[in-house]
Each structure stands twice: as C-alpha cells, then as structure tokens.
Amino acid sequence: MKIIATKENKVNFKLYSNFENRLFLPIGKYVNWKLVNNWDDYNELYHAIKYIESLNKIDEVWYEIHTIEEKEEIKGVVTIVGGNLNKLGIKSFINEEDTLLLKYFHIVEKGKGYGSYWLKSIIIPYYSERGYNKIQVSSSHPKSFDFYRKIGTEIENYTKKSDNKLYERKCKSFLISIDEQK
C-alpha cells in the first residue's frame, strides 16, 4: 500500500497492489443499501470478489485497487485493470497497450465531490504519467451515466438480468480519453 495523494490533510488516496477483502467494504455498503431500498438483487460485492479471483488466474493481466480513506475508514474504492485485456474476453473497443479498465467504482458518502475529484485529479493523472491514454468503464447505475458522459464517450449500451433474473438492468460503457481530462 502507498499513499498517492492527500486532500485537506484528512483524506488519503491509497493504492494497493494486493487484494484484501476489507478494501471492498464500500461495495458491501452499497449492496446493503440496495437491499434496504428494494433496488435490485445484483450483488456487486460477490461479483467484484469473483472478478478479482479470476484476474489472479490470468497471466499478463494486472490490477490495482485504489481507496479513499479518512481516519483509516475506507470511504471509496475503485479497481483499475491493465495488461493483456484481450484475455478477459470483453468486447474490445480498446487498444490494450494504452487502455485501462475501471471496475467497481463505489463511494460511501455520495454528494461530497470525492468521486469526481478522485477520478479527475488523482487516478487519471496517476495513469497518464505511466503512459496510458484511455480508460474504459461500464456501469449499470443510471445515476452515473451523466457523470461518465461528461468526461467520456458512450460506446455501448445493453441490458443484463439481475442475479435472480428479477430485474432488467440497463448498462452503458464509456471510453474516457485521459488526454482530454488534463
């Protein structure tokens, strides 16, 4: 783990190269919110952990987990995936040598501007310095679509069923040009 930035001397933006279950606490809190609010039955926590387990088995693919932490409490998490992305079997809108995937982006305290600041001022510059030019992100959260549309280009929309096939989930993919964010 290393601290890659600090804001207002109280919020740390950390980078982890190894997975720890606790890093996904914000995802678990979101799943609990969905249960309380009868949102849908898609369990992002389960899928995120399975995704990390699958990445650990693929040569030439790497991931890093970023967190926002305040007083050692994890307030947000995002996973960045790079390497030979063709091995992931996703639709390729990307040139894998200069493109990253942004996966499982969750913030516990919404509306404080942490997400936008984190992505634009911390994550994008961090990977720009390492020679990456694009970030592909897919989301099934309708409230995130406008945010991603402001910083990227919509490249795909589709639907998928929730875990128990009770809900139809609208999904969109976006391609963010790192150079345009500077």
N, C-alpha and C. Protein backbone atom coordinates (compact mmCIF):
# COMPACT_ATOMS: atom_id res chain seq x y z
N MET A 1 0.85 -1.18 0.00
CA MET A 1 0.00 0.00 0.00
C MET A 1 0.89 1.24 0.00
N LYS A 2 0.44 2.23 -0.77
CA LYS A 2 1.13 3.52 -0.70
C LYS A 2 0.09 4.63 -0.84
N ILE A 3 0.36 5.72 -0.18
CA ILE A 3 -0.49 6.91 -0.29
C ILE A 3 -0.01 7.68 -1.53
N ILE A 4 -0.95 7.91 -2.48
CA ILE A 4 -0.54 8.62 -3.70
C ILE A 4 -0.98 10.08 -3.69
N ALA A 5 -1.89 10.44 -2.74
CA ALA A 5 -2.30 11.84 -2.61
C ALA A 5 -3.04 12.00 -1.28
N THR A 6 -3.11 13.25 -0.84
CA THR A 6 -3.84 13.62 0.37
C THR A 6 -4.62 14.89 0.07
N LYS A 7 -5.82 15.00 0.62
CA LYS A 7 -6.64 16.18 0.43
C LYS A 7 -7.03 16.73 1.80
N GLU A 8 -6.80 18.02 1.98
CA GLU A 8 -7.19 18.72 3.21
C GLU A 8 -6.60 18.08 4.46
N ASN A 9 -5.45 17.44 4.32
CA ASN A 9 -4.75 16.79 5.43
C ASN A 9 -5.59 15.80 6.20
N LYS A 10 -6.68 15.30 5.60
CA LYS A 10 -7.50 14.34 6.33
C LYS A 10 -7.97 13.16 5.47
N VAL A 11 -7.95 13.32 4.16
CA VAL A 11 -8.40 12.26 3.27
C VAL A 11 -7.19 11.75 2.49
N ASN A 12 -6.94 10.44 2.60
CA ASN A 12 -5.83 9.83 1.88
C ASN A 12 -6.34 9.02 0.71
N PHE A 13 -5.65 9.14 -0.40
CA PHE A 13 -5.94 8.37 -1.59
C PHE A 13 -4.83 7.31 -1.67
N LYS A 14 -5.21 6.06 -1.46
CA LYS A 14 -4.22 4.99 -1.35
C LYS A 14 -4.31 4.04 -2.53
N LEU A 15 -3.19 3.36 -2.77
CA LEU A 15 -3.07 2.39 -3.85
C LEU A 15 -2.61 1.07 -3.25
N TYR A 16 -3.34 0.01 -3.57
CA TYR A 16 -3.00 -1.34 -3.12
C TYR A 16 -2.73 -2.22 -4.33
N SER A 17 -1.65 -2.98 -4.27
CA SER A 17 -1.34 -3.91 -5.35
C SER A 17 -1.85 -5.31 -5.06
N ASN A 18 -2.20 -5.57 -3.81
CA ASN A 18 -2.72 -6.88 -3.42
C ASN A 18 -4.13 -6.72 -2.87
N PHE A 19 -4.96 -7.68 -3.16
CA PHE A 19 -6.36 -7.63 -2.72
C PHE A 19 -6.48 -8.02 -1.25
N GLU A 20 -7.33 -7.28 -0.55
CA GLU A 20 -7.76 -7.61 0.81
C GLU A 20 -9.27 -7.42 0.82
N ASN A 21 -10.00 -8.34 1.42
CA ASN A 21 -11.46 -8.25 1.45
C ASN A 21 -11.95 -6.89 1.94
N ARG A 22 -11.32 -6.34 2.96
CA ARG A 22 -11.79 -5.09 3.58
C ARG A 22 -11.79 -3.92 2.60
N LEU A 23 -11.00 -4.00 1.55
CA LEU A 23 -10.94 -2.91 0.57
C LEU A 23 -12.27 -2.72 -0.14
N PHE A 24 -13.07 -3.77 -0.19
CA PHE A 24 -14.36 -3.71 -0.87
C PHE A 24 -15.53 -3.39 0.07
N LEU A 25 -15.24 -2.90 1.26
CA LEU A 25 -16.32 -2.51 2.19
C LEU A 25 -17.31 -1.52 1.58
N PRO A 26 -16.87 -0.51 0.80
CA PRO A 26 -17.85 0.39 0.19
C PRO A 26 -18.83 -0.33 -0.74
N ILE A 27 -18.37 -1.38 -1.39
CA ILE A 27 -19.26 -2.15 -2.27
C ILE A 27 -20.29 -2.88 -1.43
N GLY A 28 -19.86 -3.46 -0.31
CA GLY A 28 -20.78 -4.13 0.60
C GLY A 28 -21.83 -3.19 1.16
N LYS A 29 -21.43 -1.97 1.48
CA LYS A 29 -22.39 -0.97 1.99
C LYS A 29 -23.41 -0.62 0.92
N TYR A 30 -22.96 -0.56 -0.33
CA TYR A 30 -23.89 -0.27 -1.42
C TYR A 30 -24.89 -1.41 -1.61
N VAL A 31 -24.41 -2.64 -1.55
CA VAL A 31 -25.30 -3.79 -1.67
C VAL A 31 -26.35 -3.77 -0.55
N ASN A 32 -25.91 -3.44 0.66
CA ASN A 32 -26.87 -3.34 1.79
C ASN A 32 -27.90 -2.24 1.53
N TRP A 33 -27.46 -1.09 0.99
CA TRP A 33 -28.39 -0.01 0.68
C TRP A 33 -29.44 -0.49 -0.33
N LYS A 34 -28.98 -1.23 -1.33
CA LYS A 34 -29.92 -1.73 -2.34
C LYS A 34 -30.95 -2.67 -1.72
N LEU A 35 -30.54 -3.51 -0.79
CA LEU A 35 -31.47 -4.42 -0.12
C LEU A 35 -32.51 -3.64 0.68
N VAL A 36 -32.05 -2.65 1.43
CA VAL A 36 -32.96 -1.84 2.26
C VAL A 36 -33.95 -1.07 1.38
N ASN A 37 -33.49 -0.60 0.23
CA ASN A 37 -34.32 0.23 -0.64
C ASN A 37 -34.97 -0.54 -1.78
N ASN A 38 -34.91 -1.87 -1.73
CA ASN A 38 -35.54 -2.73 -2.72
C ASN A 38 -35.15 -2.32 -4.15
N TRP A 39 -33.86 -2.06 -4.33
CA TRP A 39 -33.36 -1.56 -5.62
C TRP A 39 -33.31 -2.68 -6.65
N ASP A 40 -32.42 -3.65 -6.46
CA ASP A 40 -32.40 -4.85 -7.29
C ASP A 40 -31.61 -5.92 -6.54
N ASP A 41 -31.49 -7.07 -7.12
CA ASP A 41 -30.86 -8.19 -6.42
C ASP A 41 -29.49 -8.54 -7.00
N TYR A 42 -28.83 -7.59 -7.63
CA TYR A 42 -27.49 -7.82 -8.17
C TYR A 42 -26.47 -7.56 -7.06
N ASN A 43 -25.69 -8.53 -6.73
CA ASN A 43 -24.75 -8.44 -5.62
C ASN A 43 -23.36 -8.07 -6.14
N GLU A 44 -23.07 -6.78 -6.21
CA GLU A 44 -21.79 -6.30 -6.72
C GLU A 44 -20.61 -6.82 -5.89
N LEU A 45 -20.79 -6.98 -4.58
CA LEU A 45 -19.70 -7.46 -3.74
C LEU A 45 -19.28 -8.87 -4.15
N TYR A 46 -20.25 -9.73 -4.32
CA TYR A 46 -19.97 -11.10 -4.77
C TYR A 46 -19.25 -11.08 -6.12
N HIS A 47 -19.78 -10.30 -7.06
CA HIS A 47 -19.20 -10.27 -8.41
C HIS A 47 -17.80 -9.63 -8.41
N ALA A 48 -17.60 -8.60 -7.58
CA ALA A 48 -16.29 -7.94 -7.52
C ALA A 48 -15.22 -8.90 -7.00
N ILE A 49 -15.54 -9.65 -5.96
CA ILE A 49 -14.56 -10.59 -5.41
C ILE A 49 -14.29 -11.72 -6.39
N LYS A 50 -15.33 -12.22 -7.05
CA LYS A 50 -15.12 -13.26 -8.07
C LYS A 50 -14.27 -12.72 -9.23
N TYR A 51 -14.49 -11.45 -9.58
CA TYR A 51 -13.72 -10.82 -10.65
C TYR A 51 -12.23 -10.78 -10.28
N ILE A 52 -11.92 -10.35 -9.08
CA ILE A 52 -10.53 -10.31 -8.62
C ILE A 52 -9.93 -11.71 -8.63
N GLU A 53 -10.69 -12.69 -8.14
CA GLU A 53 -10.20 -14.08 -8.15
C GLU A 53 -9.89 -14.53 -9.58
N SER A 54 -10.73 -14.15 -10.53
CA SER A 54 -10.49 -14.54 -11.92
C SER A 54 -9.25 -13.84 -12.48
N LEU A 55 -9.05 -12.56 -12.13
CA LEU A 55 -7.87 -11.83 -12.60
C LEU A 55 -6.58 -12.47 -12.08
N ASN A 56 -6.63 -12.97 -10.85
CA ASN A 56 -5.44 -13.59 -10.26
C ASN A 56 -4.99 -14.83 -11.02
N LYS A 57 -5.87 -15.39 -11.84
CA LYS A 57 -5.54 -16.61 -12.59
C LYS A 57 -5.10 -16.33 -14.03
N ILE A 58 -5.07 -15.07 -14.42
CA ILE A 58 -4.77 -14.73 -15.82
C ILE A 58 -3.39 -14.07 -15.90
N ASP A 59 -2.48 -14.73 -16.60
CA ASP A 59 -1.16 -14.14 -16.84
C ASP A 59 -1.31 -12.91 -17.73
N GLU A 60 -0.43 -11.98 -17.56
CA GLU A 60 -0.35 -10.77 -18.38
C GLU A 60 -1.48 -9.77 -18.12
N VAL A 61 -2.26 -9.98 -17.08
CA VAL A 61 -3.29 -9.02 -16.67
C VAL A 61 -2.98 -8.63 -15.22
N TRP A 62 -3.05 -7.35 -14.92
CA TRP A 62 -2.79 -6.88 -13.57
C TRP A 62 -3.93 -6.00 -13.10
N TYR A 63 -4.00 -5.77 -11.80
CA TYR A 63 -4.98 -4.84 -11.24
C TYR A 63 -4.35 -4.10 -10.07
N GLU A 64 -4.90 -2.92 -9.82
CA GLU A 64 -4.55 -2.13 -8.65
C GLU A 64 -5.85 -1.64 -8.04
N ILE A 65 -5.90 -1.61 -6.74
CA ILE A 65 -7.10 -1.16 -6.04
C ILE A 65 -6.79 0.17 -5.36
N HIS A 66 -7.60 1.16 -5.69
CA HIS A 66 -7.46 2.50 -5.11
C HIS A 66 -8.55 2.68 -4.05
N THR A 67 -8.20 3.34 -2.97
CA THR A 67 -9.19 3.66 -1.95
C THR A 67 -9.10 5.12 -1.56
N ILE A 68 -10.23 5.62 -1.06
CA ILE A 68 -10.27 6.90 -0.35
C ILE A 68 -10.44 6.51 1.11
N GLU A 69 -9.54 7.02 1.95
CA GLU A 69 -9.61 6.68 3.38
C GLU A 69 -9.54 7.94 4.22
N GLU A 70 -10.43 7.98 5.19
CA GLU A 70 -10.45 9.08 6.15
C GLU A 70 -10.44 8.47 7.54
N LYS A 71 -9.42 8.81 8.31
CA LYS A 71 -9.23 8.22 9.65
C LYS A 71 -9.23 6.70 9.57
N GLU A 72 -8.52 6.18 8.57
CA GLU A 72 -8.38 4.74 8.33
C GLU A 72 -9.68 4.03 7.96
N GLU A 73 -10.77 4.78 7.76
CA GLU A 73 -12.02 4.19 7.30
C GLU A 73 -12.11 4.34 5.79
N ILE A 74 -12.41 3.24 5.12
CA ILE A 74 -12.48 3.25 3.65
C ILE A 74 -13.80 3.88 3.22
N LYS A 75 -13.69 5.00 2.49
CA LYS A 75 -14.86 5.74 2.04
C LYS A 75 -15.18 5.50 0.57
N GLY A 76 -14.23 4.94 -0.17
CA GLY A 76 -14.45 4.67 -1.58
C GLY A 76 -13.43 3.67 -2.10
N VAL A 77 -13.80 3.01 -3.18
CA VAL A 77 -12.91 2.03 -3.80
C VAL A 77 -13.12 2.02 -5.31
N VAL A 78 -12.05 1.80 -6.03
CA VAL A 78 -12.11 1.58 -7.47
C VAL A 78 -10.97 0.62 -7.83
N THR A 79 -11.26 -0.27 -8.76
CA THR A 79 -10.25 -1.20 -9.25
C THR A 79 -9.88 -0.80 -10.68
N ILE A 80 -8.59 -0.72 -10.93
CA ILE A 80 -8.07 -0.43 -12.27
C ILE A 80 -7.39 -1.70 -12.78
N VAL A 81 -7.74 -2.08 -14.01
CA VAL A 81 -7.22 -3.31 -14.61
C VAL A 81 -6.46 -2.95 -15.88
N GLY A 82 -5.30 -3.57 -16.07
CA GLY A 82 -4.50 -3.32 -17.26
C GLY A 82 -3.80 -4.59 -17.72
N GLY A 83 -3.02 -4.44 -18.76
CA GLY A 83 -2.28 -5.58 -19.31
C GLY A 83 -2.93 -6.08 -20.58
N ASN A 84 -2.86 -7.38 -20.79
CA ASN A 84 -3.42 -8.00 -21.99
C ASN A 84 -4.94 -8.16 -21.81
N LEU A 85 -5.67 -7.09 -22.05
CA LEU A 85 -7.11 -7.06 -21.80
C LEU A 85 -7.89 -8.01 -22.70
N ASN A 86 -7.31 -8.40 -23.82
CA ASN A 86 -7.99 -9.37 -24.70
C ASN A 86 -8.21 -10.70 -23.99
N LYS A 87 -7.38 -11.01 -23.02
CA LYS A 87 -7.53 -12.26 -22.27
C LYS A 87 -8.77 -12.26 -21.38
N LEU A 88 -9.39 -11.10 -21.21
CA LEU A 88 -10.58 -11.02 -20.37
C LEU A 88 -11.86 -11.38 -21.12
N GLY A 89 -11.77 -11.48 -22.43
CA GLY A 89 -12.92 -11.87 -23.23
C GLY A 89 -14.01 -10.82 -23.32
N ILE A 90 -13.65 -9.56 -23.14
CA ILE A 90 -14.65 -8.49 -23.25
C ILE A 90 -14.67 -7.97 -24.68
N LYS A 91 -15.75 -7.31 -25.03
CA LYS A 91 -15.80 -6.64 -26.32
C LYS A 91 -14.70 -5.61 -26.35
N SER A 92 -13.93 -5.62 -27.39
CA SER A 92 -12.77 -4.74 -27.42
C SER A 92 -13.06 -3.47 -28.21
N PHE A 93 -13.15 -2.37 -27.48
CA PHE A 93 -13.23 -1.04 -28.08
C PHE A 93 -11.90 -0.34 -27.86
N ILE A 94 -10.91 -1.11 -27.48
CA ILE A 94 -9.71 -0.55 -26.91
C ILE A 94 -8.45 -1.05 -27.58
N ASN A 95 -7.40 -0.28 -27.42
CA ASN A 95 -6.05 -0.69 -27.74
C ASN A 95 -5.43 -1.04 -26.39
N GLU A 96 -5.22 -2.32 -26.14
CA GLU A 96 -4.86 -2.76 -24.81
C GLU A 96 -3.54 -2.19 -24.29
N GLU A 97 -2.67 -1.74 -25.15
CA GLU A 97 -1.39 -1.23 -24.68
C GLU A 97 -1.51 0.11 -23.97
N ASP A 98 -2.51 0.90 -24.31
CA ASP A 98 -2.62 2.22 -23.68
C ASP A 98 -3.96 2.44 -22.99
N THR A 99 -4.71 1.35 -22.78
CA THR A 99 -6.05 1.46 -22.22
C THR A 99 -6.17 0.65 -20.94
N LEU A 100 -6.93 1.20 -20.01
CA LEU A 100 -7.21 0.55 -18.73
C LEU A 100 -8.70 0.32 -18.60
N LEU A 101 -9.09 -0.58 -17.73
CA LEU A 101 -10.49 -0.76 -17.36
C LEU A 101 -10.69 -0.20 -15.96
N LEU A 102 -11.77 0.52 -15.76
CA LEU A 102 -12.16 0.99 -14.44
C LEU A 102 -13.33 0.11 -14.00
N LYS A 103 -13.16 -0.56 -12.87
CA LYS A 103 -14.17 -1.51 -12.40
C LYS A 103 -14.53 -1.22 -10.95
N TYR A 104 -15.79 -1.45 -10.62
CA TYR A 104 -16.29 -1.41 -9.24
C TYR A 104 -15.91 -0.12 -8.52
N PHE A 105 -16.43 0.99 -9.04
CA PHE A 105 -16.19 2.33 -8.51
C PHE A 105 -17.34 2.65 -7.56
N HIS A 106 -17.06 2.67 -6.26
CA HIS A 106 -18.10 2.92 -5.26
C HIS A 106 -17.60 3.89 -4.21
N ILE A 107 -18.45 4.85 -3.87
CA ILE A 107 -18.16 5.83 -2.82
C ILE A 107 -19.27 5.71 -1.79
N VAL A 108 -18.89 5.67 -0.52
CA VAL A 108 -19.88 5.52 0.55
C VAL A 108 -20.68 6.80 0.73
N GLU A 109 -20.00 7.93 0.86
CA GLU A 109 -20.68 9.21 1.11
C GLU A 109 -20.79 9.98 -0.20
N LYS A 110 -21.93 9.84 -0.84
CA LYS A 110 -22.13 10.49 -2.13
C LYS A 110 -22.45 11.97 -1.92
N GLY A 111 -22.18 12.77 -2.95
CA GLY A 111 -22.53 14.18 -2.91
C GLY A 111 -21.47 15.08 -2.32
N LYS A 112 -20.32 14.53 -1.93
CA LYS A 112 -19.25 15.36 -1.37
C LYS A 112 -18.22 15.74 -2.43
N GLY A 113 -18.40 15.25 -3.65
CA GLY A 113 -17.48 15.56 -4.74
C GLY A 113 -16.22 14.72 -4.75
N TYR A 114 -16.13 13.74 -3.87
CA TYR A 114 -14.93 12.90 -3.82
C TYR A 114 -14.73 12.13 -5.11
N GLY A 115 -15.78 11.56 -5.66
CA GLY A 115 -15.65 10.72 -6.84
C GLY A 115 -15.08 11.46 -8.04
N SER A 116 -15.63 12.62 -8.33
CA SER A 116 -15.16 13.42 -9.46
C SER A 116 -13.72 13.87 -9.23
N TYR A 117 -13.45 14.38 -8.04
CA TYR A 117 -12.09 14.83 -7.71
C TYR A 117 -11.10 13.67 -7.82
N TRP A 118 -11.48 12.54 -7.24
CA TRP A 118 -10.61 11.36 -7.22
C TRP A 118 -10.26 10.91 -8.63
N LEU A 119 -11.27 10.78 -9.47
CA LEU A 119 -11.03 10.31 -10.83
C LEU A 119 -10.23 11.33 -11.64
N LYS A 120 -10.66 12.59 -11.61
CA LYS A 120 -10.03 13.60 -12.46
C LYS A 120 -8.67 14.09 -11.94
N SER A 121 -8.52 14.20 -10.63
CA SER A 121 -7.31 14.80 -10.08
C SER A 121 -6.29 13.80 -9.54
N ILE A 122 -6.71 12.58 -9.30
CA ILE A 122 -5.79 11.59 -8.73
C ILE A 122 -5.55 10.43 -9.71
N ILE A 123 -6.61 9.71 -10.04
CA ILE A 123 -6.46 8.48 -10.83
C ILE A 123 -6.01 8.77 -12.26
N ILE A 124 -6.69 9.67 -12.95
CA ILE A 124 -6.31 9.95 -14.34
C ILE A 124 -4.88 10.48 -14.45
N PRO A 125 -4.48 11.47 -13.64
CA PRO A 125 -3.07 11.90 -13.74
C PRO A 125 -2.07 10.80 -13.37
N TYR A 126 -2.43 9.97 -12.40
CA TYR A 126 -1.54 8.88 -11.97
C TYR A 126 -1.23 7.95 -13.15
N TYR A 127 -2.26 7.56 -13.90
CA TYR A 127 -2.04 6.64 -15.01
C TYR A 127 -1.56 7.36 -16.27
N SER A 128 -1.85 8.62 -16.41
CA SER A 128 -1.30 9.40 -17.52
C SER A 128 0.22 9.43 -17.44
N GLU A 129 0.73 9.62 -16.24
CA GLU A 129 2.19 9.63 -16.03
C GLU A 129 2.82 8.29 -16.38
N ARG A 130 2.04 7.24 -16.40
CA ARG A 130 2.54 5.90 -16.72
C ARG A 130 2.31 5.53 -18.19
N GLY A 131 1.82 6.51 -18.98
CA GLY A 131 1.71 6.31 -20.42
C GLY A 131 0.38 5.79 -20.92
N TYR A 132 -0.64 5.74 -20.07
CA TYR A 132 -1.96 5.27 -20.51
C TYR A 132 -2.75 6.44 -21.08
N ASN A 133 -3.57 6.15 -22.11
CA ASN A 133 -4.31 7.20 -22.80
C ASN A 133 -5.82 7.10 -22.66
N LYS A 134 -6.34 5.92 -22.30
CA LYS A 134 -7.79 5.74 -22.25
C LYS A 134 -8.18 4.87 -21.07
N ILE A 135 -9.40 5.10 -20.62
CA ILE A 135 -10.00 4.26 -19.58
C ILE A 135 -11.38 3.87 -20.07
N GLN A 136 -11.65 2.58 -20.07
CA GLN A 136 -12.99 2.09 -20.42
C GLN A 136 -13.70 1.73 -19.13
N VAL A 137 -14.95 2.17 -19.03
CA VAL A 137 -15.76 1.87 -17.85
C VAL A 137 -17.15 1.44 -18.30
N SER A 138 -17.68 0.43 -17.63
CA SER A 138 -19.07 0.00 -17.87
C SER A 138 -19.82 0.15 -16.56
N SER A 139 -21.06 0.57 -16.66
CA SER A 139 -21.85 0.80 -15.45
C SER A 139 -23.30 0.39 -15.67
N SER A 140 -23.91 -0.04 -14.58
CA SER A 140 -25.34 -0.33 -14.60
C SER A 140 -26.08 0.60 -13.64
N HIS A 141 -25.41 1.67 -13.23
CA HIS A 141 -26.01 2.62 -12.30
C HIS A 141 -26.45 3.86 -13.06
N PRO A 142 -27.75 4.00 -13.31
CA PRO A 142 -28.25 5.12 -14.13
C PRO A 142 -27.78 6.49 -13.65
N LYS A 143 -27.58 6.66 -12.35
CA LYS A 143 -27.14 7.96 -11.83
C LYS A 143 -25.71 8.28 -12.22
N SER A 144 -24.94 7.27 -12.63
CA SER A 144 -23.55 7.51 -13.03
C SER A 144 -23.43 7.84 -14.51
N PHE A 145 -24.46 7.56 -15.30
CA PHE A 145 -24.35 7.74 -16.75
C PHE A 145 -24.01 9.17 -17.14
N ASP A 146 -24.66 10.16 -16.54
CA ASP A 146 -24.37 11.56 -16.88
C ASP A 146 -22.94 11.94 -16.54
N PHE A 147 -22.46 11.46 -15.40
CA PHE A 147 -21.08 11.74 -15.00
C PHE A 147 -20.10 11.21 -16.04
N TYR A 148 -20.25 9.95 -16.42
CA TYR A 148 -19.33 9.36 -17.40
C TYR A 148 -19.48 10.00 -18.77
N ARG A 149 -20.68 10.41 -19.13
CA ARG A 149 -20.92 11.06 -20.42
C ARG A 149 -20.20 12.41 -20.48
N LYS A 150 -20.08 13.09 -19.33
CA LYS A 150 -19.40 14.40 -19.29
C LYS A 150 -17.90 14.27 -19.51
N ILE A 151 -17.33 13.14 -19.10
CA ILE A 151 -15.88 13.00 -19.21
C ILE A 151 -15.44 12.00 -20.28
N GLY A 152 -16.41 11.32 -20.89
CA GLY A 152 -16.07 10.32 -21.89
C GLY A 152 -17.11 10.23 -22.98
N THR A 153 -16.96 9.21 -23.82
CA THR A 153 -17.86 8.97 -24.94
C THR A 153 -18.56 7.64 -24.72
N GLU A 154 -19.88 7.65 -24.87
CA GLU A 154 -20.62 6.40 -24.75
C GLU A 154 -20.30 5.53 -25.95
N ILE A 155 -19.91 4.28 -25.69
CA ILE A 155 -19.52 3.38 -26.78
C ILE A 155 -20.42 2.17 -26.90
N GLU A 156 -21.26 1.93 -25.90
CA GLU A 156 -22.13 0.76 -25.97
C GLU A 156 -23.24 0.90 -24.92
N ASN A 157 -24.42 0.40 -25.26
CA ASN A 157 -25.47 0.23 -24.24
C ASN A 157 -26.10 -1.13 -24.45
N TYR A 158 -26.49 -1.72 -23.33
CA TYR A 158 -27.02 -3.08 -23.35
C TYR A 158 -27.80 -3.30 -22.06
N THR A 159 -28.43 -4.44 -21.96
CA THR A 159 -29.13 -4.81 -20.73
C THR A 159 -28.64 -6.18 -20.27
N LYS A 160 -28.77 -6.40 -18.98
CA LYS A 160 -28.48 -7.73 -18.44
C LYS A 160 -29.42 -7.97 -17.27
N LYS A 161 -29.65 -9.22 -17.00
CA LYS A 161 -30.55 -9.60 -15.92
C LYS A 161 -29.82 -9.53 -14.59
N SER A 162 -30.57 -9.26 -13.53
CA SER A 162 -30.00 -9.30 -12.19
C SER A 162 -29.73 -10.75 -11.80
N ASP A 163 -29.10 -10.95 -10.65
CA ASP A 163 -28.66 -12.29 -10.26
C ASP A 163 -29.77 -13.33 -10.28
N ASN A 164 -30.93 -12.98 -9.77
CA ASN A 164 -32.04 -13.93 -9.73
C ASN A 164 -33.01 -13.73 -10.89
N LYS A 165 -32.56 -12.95 -11.88
CA LYS A 165 -33.34 -12.69 -13.10
C LYS A 165 -34.67 -11.99 -12.80
N LEU A 166 -34.67 -11.20 -11.72
CA LEU A 166 -35.88 -10.48 -11.33
C LEU A 166 -35.95 -9.09 -11.96
N TYR A 167 -34.81 -8.53 -12.32
CA TYR A 167 -34.75 -7.17 -12.83
C TYR A 167 -33.94 -7.13 -14.12
N GLU A 168 -34.35 -6.26 -15.02
CA GLU A 168 -33.59 -5.98 -16.23
C GLU A 168 -32.73 -4.76 -15.91
N ARG A 169 -31.43 -4.88 -16.04
CA ARG A 169 -30.51 -3.81 -15.67
C ARG A 169 -29.98 -3.13 -16.93
N LYS A 170 -30.20 -1.83 -17.07
CA LYS A 170 -29.66 -1.08 -18.20
C LYS A 170 -28.20 -0.77 -17.92
N CYS A 171 -27.36 -1.02 -18.91
CA CYS A 171 -25.93 -0.83 -18.75
C CYS A 171 -25.39 0.02 -19.91
N LYS A 172 -24.33 0.74 -19.63
CA LYS A 172 -23.66 1.53 -20.65
C LYS A 172 -22.15 1.42 -20.44
N SER A 173 -21.41 1.50 -21.54
CA SER A 173 -19.95 1.54 -21.50
C SER A 173 -19.50 2.87 -22.06
N PHE A 174 -18.42 3.38 -21.49
CA PHE A 174 -17.87 4.68 -21.88
C PHE A 174 -16.36 4.55 -22.06
N LEU A 175 -15.82 5.36 -22.96
CA LEU A 175 -14.39 5.44 -23.15
C LEU A 175 -13.95 6.86 -22.79
N ILE A 176 -13.06 6.95 -21.81
CA ILE A 176 -12.57 8.23 -21.31
C ILE A 176 -11.17 8.44 -21.89
N SER A 177 -10.99 9.56 -22.57
CA SER A 177 -9.68 9.92 -23.09
C SER A 177 -8.93 10.64 -21.97
N ILE A 178 -7.83 10.07 -21.53
CA ILE A 178 -7.04 10.68 -20.46
C ILE A 178 -6.51 12.03 -20.89
N ASP A 179 -6.06 12.15 -22.15
CA ASP A 179 -5.51 13.42 -22.63
C ASP A 179 -6.53 14.55 -22.56
N GLU A 180 -7.81 14.25 -22.79
CA GLU A 180 -8.84 15.29 -22.76
C GLU A 180 -9.15 15.74 -21.34
N GLN A 181 -8.71 15.01 -20.33
CA GLN A 181 -9.01 15.35 -18.94
C GLN A 181 -7.93 16.23 -18.32
N LYS A 182 -6.82 16.41 -19.02
CA LYS A 182 -5.70 17.19 -18.46
C LYS A 182 -6.01 18.66 -18.47
